[in-house]
Amino acid sequence: MKRQEAPQPLELVRQFVNTFDLERHTDSLETVELARAWLTNHGVIGELTIVDEPVRQRIVDFREALRSLARANSAPDDRVDQAALRALEDAIQDSGVHLGFHTDGRPDLVPEADTGIKGALGRYMAIVGLAAFDGSWRRLKICLAHDCQWAFYDHSKNRSGTWCQMSECGNRSKVRAYRARHAD
């Protein structure tokens, strides 16, 4: 099991992005039933929230947009595609994420829509926004191994992590590079 947990609440975003596991060929959001179950079990939506196929597709598109955004942290030369940016901006606009304050005066990003899918996506965007401000967002990365794409939190001191696990993806990458250099 890969263990690269992010600090809370950014860990919630990492878990969401990892609902698609390329290595195991599983997608926890593959069907309406699976998506509803995953989102409910993780406290993202209430049990009465309607999840139909268009909603499920929007959730998947949003997940992939977050993956694209995190991939830019892994490979700074990569650009986030326009469709991903639109999905993220739509989530912010639909949920009405705005600056709010706790009773002790601490600022917070909060979605106006506090229930349903709009509120759920807004909460994810609020987490990303706060992580961007505190610097932790740049550490949420996507493994650069083309056959992995796992979201991980880079705990390295110099923020240079490129693989979710050196012992797996890093080693495979190095072996491939070695073989390519020494091919006849």
C-alpha atoms as a PDB file:
ATOM      1  CA  MET A   1       0.000   0.000   0.000  1.00  0.00           C
ATOM      2  CA  LYS A   2       1.310   3.415  -0.919  1.00  0.00           C
ATOM      3  CA  ARG A   3       1.576   5.737   2.032  1.00  0.00           C
ATOM      4  CA  GLN A   4       2.176   9.359   1.173  1.00  0.00           C
ATOM      5  CA  GLU A   5      -0.487  11.065   3.246  1.00  0.00           C
ATOM      6  CA  ALA A   6      -0.906  14.799   3.103  1.00  0.00           C
ATOM      7  CA  PRO A   7      -1.659  16.906   6.170  1.00  0.00           C
ATOM      8  CA  GLN A   8      -5.370  17.287   6.862  1.00  0.00           C
ATOM      9  CA  PRO A   9      -7.505  18.533   5.241  1.00  0.00           C
ATOM     10  CA  LEU A  10      -5.403  18.227   2.040  1.00  0.00           C
ATOM     11  CA  GLU A  11      -5.419  14.465   2.596  1.00  0.00           C
ATOM     12  CA  LEU A  12      -9.102  14.504   1.643  1.00  0.00           C
ATOM     13  CA  VAL A  13      -8.173  15.878  -1.786  1.00  0.00           C
ATOM     14  CA  ARG A  14      -5.388  13.299  -2.221  1.00  0.00           C
ATOM     15  CA  GLN A  15      -7.781  10.463  -1.399  1.00  0.00           C
ATOM     16  CA  PHE A  16     -10.351  11.837  -3.835  1.00  0.00           C
ATOM     17  CA  VAL A  17      -7.825  12.091  -6.677  1.00  0.00           C
ATOM     18  CA  ASN A  18      -6.734   8.525  -5.935  1.00  0.00           C
ATOM     19  CA  THR A  19     -10.237   7.145  -6.444  1.00  0.00           C
ATOM     20  CA  PHE A  20      -8.811   6.172  -9.827  1.00  0.00           C
ATOM     21  CA  ASP A  21      -6.010   3.609  -9.454  1.00  0.00           C
ATOM     22  CA  LEU A  22      -4.271   3.076 -12.784  1.00  0.00           C
ATOM     23  CA  GLU A  23      -2.088   0.222 -11.518  1.00  0.00           C
ATOM     24  CA  ARG A  24      -5.034  -1.813 -10.243  1.00  0.00           C
ATOM     25  CA  HIS A  25      -7.385  -0.663 -13.008  1.00  0.00           C
ATOM     26  CA  THR A  26     -10.038   0.370 -10.503  1.00  0.00           C
ATOM     27  CA  ASP A  27     -12.176   3.465 -10.312  1.00  0.00           C
ATOM     28  CA  SER A  28     -14.235   4.091  -7.184  1.00  0.00           C
ATOM     29  CA  LEU A  29     -16.350   6.524  -9.216  1.00  0.00           C
ATOM     30  CA  GLU A  30     -16.899   4.233 -12.220  1.00  0.00           C
ATOM     31  CA  THR A  31     -20.655   3.876 -11.785  1.00  0.00           C
ATOM     32  CA  VAL A  32     -23.368   5.985 -10.175  1.00  0.00           C
ATOM     33  CA  GLU A  33     -23.679   3.422  -7.351  1.00  0.00           C
ATOM     34  CA  LEU A  34     -19.928   3.286  -6.704  1.00  0.00           C
ATOM     35  CA  ALA A  35     -19.627   7.069  -6.799  1.00  0.00           C
ATOM     36  CA  ARG A  36     -22.536   7.566  -4.392  1.00  0.00           C
ATOM     37  CA  ALA A  37     -21.096   4.931  -2.029  1.00  0.00           C
ATOM     38  CA  TRP A  38     -17.572   6.388  -2.050  1.00  0.00           C
ATOM     39  CA  LEU A  39     -18.723   9.983  -1.582  1.00  0.00           C
ATOM     40  CA  THR A  40     -21.147   9.009   1.185  1.00  0.00           C
ATOM     41  CA  ASN A  41     -18.669   6.742   3.000  1.00  0.00           C
ATOM     42  CA  HIS A  42     -16.066   9.510   2.980  1.00  0.00           C
ATOM     43  CA  GLY A  43     -18.494  12.109   4.327  1.00  0.00           C
ATOM     44  CA  VAL A  44     -18.396  14.168   1.149  1.00  0.00           C
ATOM     45  CA  ILE A  45     -22.161  14.059   0.571  1.00  0.00           C
ATOM     46  CA  GLY A  46     -25.189  13.115   2.616  1.00  0.00           C
ATOM     47  CA  GLU A  47     -27.079   9.908   2.006  1.00  0.00           C
ATOM     48  CA  LEU A  48     -29.988  11.759   0.399  1.00  0.00           C
ATOM     49  CA  THR A  49     -27.833  13.564  -2.171  1.00  0.00           C
ATOM     50  CA  ILE A  50     -28.856  12.642  -5.706  1.00  0.00           C
ATOM     51  CA  VAL A  51     -26.075  11.212  -7.836  1.00  0.00           C
ATOM     52  CA  ASP A  52     -27.163  10.460 -11.380  1.00  0.00           C
ATOM     53  CA  GLU A  53     -24.998   9.900 -14.461  1.00  0.00           C
ATOM     54  CA  PRO A  54     -24.490  13.598 -15.341  1.00  0.00           C
ATOM     55  CA  VAL A  55     -23.515  14.320 -11.712  1.00  0.00           C
ATOM     56  CA  ARG A  56     -21.171  11.317 -11.650  1.00  0.00           C
ATOM     57  CA  GLN A  57     -19.531  12.507 -14.868  1.00  0.00           C
ATOM     58  CA  ARG A  58     -19.091  15.997 -13.417  1.00  0.00           C
ATOM     59  CA  ILE A  59     -17.435  14.497 -10.330  1.00  0.00           C
ATOM     60  CA  VAL A  60     -15.069  12.431 -12.493  1.00  0.00           C
ATOM     61  CA  ASP A  61     -14.222  15.465 -14.640  1.00  0.00           C
ATOM     62  CA  PHE A  62     -13.561  17.456 -11.458  1.00  0.00           C
ATOM     63  CA  ARG A  63     -11.306  14.678 -10.096  1.00  0.00           C
ATOM     64  CA  GLU A  64      -9.317  14.624 -13.319  1.00  0.00           C
ATOM     65  CA  ALA A  65      -9.062  18.419 -13.251  1.00  0.00           C
ATOM     66  CA  LEU A  66      -7.580  18.209  -9.748  1.00  0.00           C
ATOM     67  CA  ARG A  67      -5.178  15.516 -11.008  1.00  0.00           C
ATOM     68  CA  SER A  68      -4.122  17.832 -13.835  1.00  0.00           C
ATOM     69  CA  LEU A  69      -3.597  20.668 -11.370  1.00  0.00           C
ATOM     70  CA  ALA A  70      -1.490  18.464  -9.081  1.00  0.00           C
ATOM     71  CA  ARG A  71       0.479  17.116 -12.070  1.00  0.00           C
ATOM     72  CA  ALA A  72       1.666  20.679 -12.677  1.00  0.00           C
ATOM     73  CA  ASN A  73       3.260  20.481  -9.200  1.00  0.00           C
ATOM     74  CA  SER A  74       5.177  17.377 -10.318  1.00  0.00           C
ATOM     75  CA  ALA A  75       6.314  18.712 -13.666  1.00  0.00           C
ATOM     76  CA  PRO A  76       6.390  22.512 -13.540  1.00  0.00           C
ATOM     77  CA  ASP A  77       6.747  22.736 -17.332  1.00  0.00           C
ATOM     78  CA  ASP A  78       3.361  21.020 -17.769  1.00  0.00           C
ATOM     79  CA  ARG A  79       0.403  23.291 -18.232  1.00  0.00           C
ATOM     80  CA  VAL A  80      -3.067  22.589 -16.896  1.00  0.00           C
ATOM     81  CA  ASP A  81      -5.402  22.188 -19.864  1.00  0.00           C
ATOM     82  CA  GLN A  82      -8.219  24.645 -20.388  1.00  0.00           C
ATOM     83  CA  ALA A  83     -10.990  22.077 -19.820  1.00  0.00           C
ATOM     84  CA  ALA A  84      -9.526  21.233 -16.403  1.00  0.00           C
ATOM     85  CA  LEU A  85      -9.292  24.889 -15.464  1.00  0.00           C
ATOM     86  CA  ARG A  86     -12.914  25.424 -16.531  1.00  0.00           C
ATOM     87  CA  ALA A  87     -14.064  22.471 -14.406  1.00  0.00           C
ATOM     88  CA  LEU A  88     -12.269  23.899 -11.372  1.00  0.00           C
ATOM     89  CA  GLU A  89     -13.560  27.425 -11.965  1.00  0.00           C
ATOM     90  CA  ASP A  90     -17.110  26.110 -12.451  1.00  0.00           C
ATOM     91  CA  ALA A  91     -16.869  24.277  -9.118  1.00  0.00           C
ATOM     92  CA  ILE A  92     -15.805  27.472  -7.358  1.00  0.00           C
ATOM     93  CA  GLN A  93     -18.511  29.546  -9.011  1.00  0.00           C
ATOM     94  CA  ASP A  94     -21.292  26.979  -8.461  1.00  0.00           C
ATOM     95  CA  SER A  95     -20.461  26.581  -4.785  1.00  0.00           C
ATOM     96  CA  GLY A  96     -19.898  30.274  -4.135  1.00  0.00           C
ATOM     97  CA  VAL A  97     -16.575  29.795  -2.307  1.00  0.00           C
ATOM     98  CA  HIS A  98     -15.803  32.996  -0.455  1.00  0.00           C
ATOM     99  CA  LEU A  99     -13.696  34.321   2.381  1.00  0.00           C
ATOM    100  CA  GLY A 100     -15.288  33.848   5.783  1.00  0.00           C
ATOM    101  CA  PHE A 101     -14.103  34.145   9.382  1.00  0.00           C
ATOM    102  CA  HIS A 102     -14.191  31.945  12.462  1.00  0.00           C
ATOM    103  CA  THR A 103     -15.305  33.444  15.788  1.00  0.00           C
ATOM    104  CA  ASP A 104     -11.631  33.712  16.824  1.00  0.00           C
ATOM    105  CA  GLY A 105     -10.934  35.873  13.760  1.00  0.00           C
ATOM    106  CA  ARG A 106      -9.124  33.265  11.651  1.00  0.00           C
ATOM    107  CA  PRO A 107      -9.955  33.562   7.954  1.00  0.00           C
ATOM    108  CA  ASP A 108     -11.304  30.569   6.065  1.00  0.00           C
ATOM    109  CA  LEU A 109     -12.576  29.758   2.591  1.00  0.00           C
ATOM    110  CA  VAL A 110     -16.134  28.472   2.728  1.00  0.00           C
ATOM    111  CA  PRO A 111     -18.615  27.426   0.059  1.00  0.00           C
ATOM    112  CA  GLU A 112     -22.068  29.018   0.182  1.00  0.00           C
ATOM    113  CA  ALA A 113     -23.539  25.783  -1.117  1.00  0.00           C
ATOM    114  CA  ASP A 114     -23.019  23.569   1.912  1.00  0.00           C
ATOM    115  CA  THR A 115     -24.903  20.502   0.753  1.00  0.00           C
ATOM    116  CA  GLY A 116     -25.013  18.306  -2.307  1.00  0.00           C
ATOM    117  CA  ILE A 117     -22.465  17.996  -5.045  1.00  0.00           C
ATOM    118  CA  LYS A 118     -21.937  21.747  -5.460  1.00  0.00           C
ATOM    119  CA  GLY A 119     -21.064  22.059  -1.781  1.00  0.00           C
ATOM    120  CA  ALA A 120     -18.804  18.985  -1.916  1.00  0.00           C
ATOM    121  CA  LEU A 121     -16.813  20.286  -4.879  1.00  0.00           C
ATOM    122  CA  GLY A 122     -16.676  23.702  -3.236  1.00  0.00           C
ATOM    123  CA  ARG A 123     -15.208  22.186  -0.065  1.00  0.00           C
ATOM    124  CA  TYR A 124     -12.496  20.491  -2.137  1.00  0.00           C
ATOM    125  CA  MET A 125     -11.730  23.798  -3.868  1.00  0.00           C
ATOM    126  CA  ALA A 126     -11.606  25.594  -0.507  1.00  0.00           C
ATOM    127  CA  ILE A 127      -9.086  23.015   0.728  1.00  0.00           C
ATOM    128  CA  VAL A 128      -6.960  23.521  -2.396  1.00  0.00           C
ATOM    129  CA  GLY A 129      -7.176  27.301  -1.992  1.00  0.00           C
ATOM    130  CA  LEU A 130      -6.080  27.240   1.635  1.00  0.00           C
ATOM    131  CA  ALA A 131      -3.288  24.765   0.797  1.00  0.00           C
ATOM    132  CA  ALA A 132      -2.105  27.123  -1.930  1.00  0.00           C
ATOM    133  CA  PHE A 133      -1.892  29.943   0.607  1.00  0.00           C
ATOM    134  CA  ASP A 134      -0.004  27.911   3.215  1.00  0.00           C
ATOM    135  CA  GLY A 135       2.369  26.375   0.645  1.00  0.00           C
ATOM    136  CA  SER A 136       1.312  22.752   1.109  1.00  0.00           C
ATOM    137  CA  TRP A 137      -0.480  22.544  -2.259  1.00  0.00           C
ATOM    138  CA  ARG A 138       2.830  22.547  -4.194  1.00  0.00           C
ATOM    139  CA  ARG A 139       3.742  19.322  -2.368  1.00  0.00           C
ATOM    140  CA  LEU A 140       0.689  17.424  -3.614  1.00  0.00           C
ATOM    141  CA  LYS A 141       2.012  15.755  -6.751  1.00  0.00           C
ATOM    142  CA  ILE A 142       1.188  13.085  -9.270  1.00  0.00           C
ATOM    143  CA  CYS A 143       3.666  10.251  -9.742  1.00  0.00           C
ATOM    144  CA  LEU A 144       5.461  10.803 -13.031  1.00  0.00           C
ATOM    145  CA  ALA A 145       5.473   7.089 -13.833  1.00  0.00           C
ATOM    146  CA  HIS A 146       3.147   6.865 -16.842  1.00  0.00           C
ATOM    147  CA  ASP A 147       1.739   3.563 -15.566  1.00  0.00           C
ATOM    148  CA  CYS A 148       1.012   4.874 -12.058  1.00  0.00           C
ATOM    149  CA  GLN A 149      -0.258   8.486 -11.817  1.00  0.00           C
ATOM    150  CA  TRP A 150      -0.847   8.125  -8.039  1.00  0.00           C
ATOM    151  CA  ALA A 151      -1.359  11.343  -6.059  1.00  0.00           C
ATOM    152  CA  PHE A 152       1.165  11.657  -3.238  1.00  0.00           C
ATOM    153  CA  TYR A 153       2.358  14.270  -0.787  1.00  0.00           C
ATOM    154  CA  ASP A 154       6.040  15.095  -1.242  1.00  0.00           C
ATOM    155  CA  HIS A 155       7.592  14.995   2.214  1.00  0.00           C
ATOM    156  CA  SER A 156      11.146  15.515   0.915  1.00  0.00           C
ATOM    157  CA  LYS A 157      12.992  18.442   2.415  1.00  0.00           C
ATOM    158  CA  ASN A 158      13.750  20.043  -0.941  1.00  0.00           C
ATOM    159  CA  ARG A 159      10.371  19.181  -2.529  1.00  0.00           C
ATOM    160  CA  SER A 160      12.044  17.138  -5.258  1.00  0.00           C
ATOM    161  CA  GLY A 161       9.921  13.978  -5.122  1.00  0.00           C
ATOM    162  CA  THR A 162       8.818  12.730  -8.527  1.00  0.00           C
ATOM    163  CA  TRP A 163       7.580   9.205  -7.796  1.00  0.00           C
ATOM    164  CA  CYS A 164       5.040   8.031  -5.272  1.00  0.00           C
ATOM    165  CA  GLN A 165       7.520   5.390  -4.110  1.00  0.00           C
ATOM    166  CA  MET A 166      11.155   5.187  -5.102  1.00  0.00           C
ATOM    167  CA  SER A 167      11.159   1.433  -4.421  1.00  0.00           C
ATOM    168  CA  GLU A 168       8.455   0.866  -7.050  1.00  0.00           C
ATOM    169  CA  CYS A 169       7.977   3.584  -9.627  1.00  0.00           C
ATOM    170  CA  GLY A 170      11.387   5.173  -9.235  1.00  0.00           C
ATOM    171  CA  ASN A 171      13.169   1.845  -9.538  1.00  0.00           C
ATOM    172  CA  ARG A 172      11.152   0.837 -12.622  1.00  0.00           C
ATOM    173  CA  SER A 173      11.935   4.175 -14.247  1.00  0.00           C
ATOM    174  CA  LYS A 174      15.640   3.850 -13.544  1.00  0.00           C
ATOM    175  CA  VAL A 175      15.740   0.275 -14.866  1.00  0.00           C
ATOM    176  CA  ARG A 176      13.970   1.360 -18.081  1.00  0.00           C
ATOM    177  CA  ALA A 177      16.420   4.244 -18.527  1.00  0.00           C
ATOM    178  CA  TYR A 178      19.388   1.921 -17.903  1.00  0.00           C
ATOM    179  CA  ARG A 179      18.102  -0.622 -20.442  1.00  0.00           C
ATOM    180  CA  ALA A 180      17.483   2.112 -23.009  1.00  0.00           C
ATOM    181  CA  ARG A 181      21.050   3.391 -22.590  1.00  0.00           C
ATOM    182  CA  HIS A 182      22.511  -0.101 -22.937  1.00  0.00           C
ATOM    183  CA  ALA A 183      20.279  -1.429 -25.718  1.00  0.00           C
ATOM    184  CA  ASP A 184      22.119  -3.028 -28.612  1.00  0.00           C
END
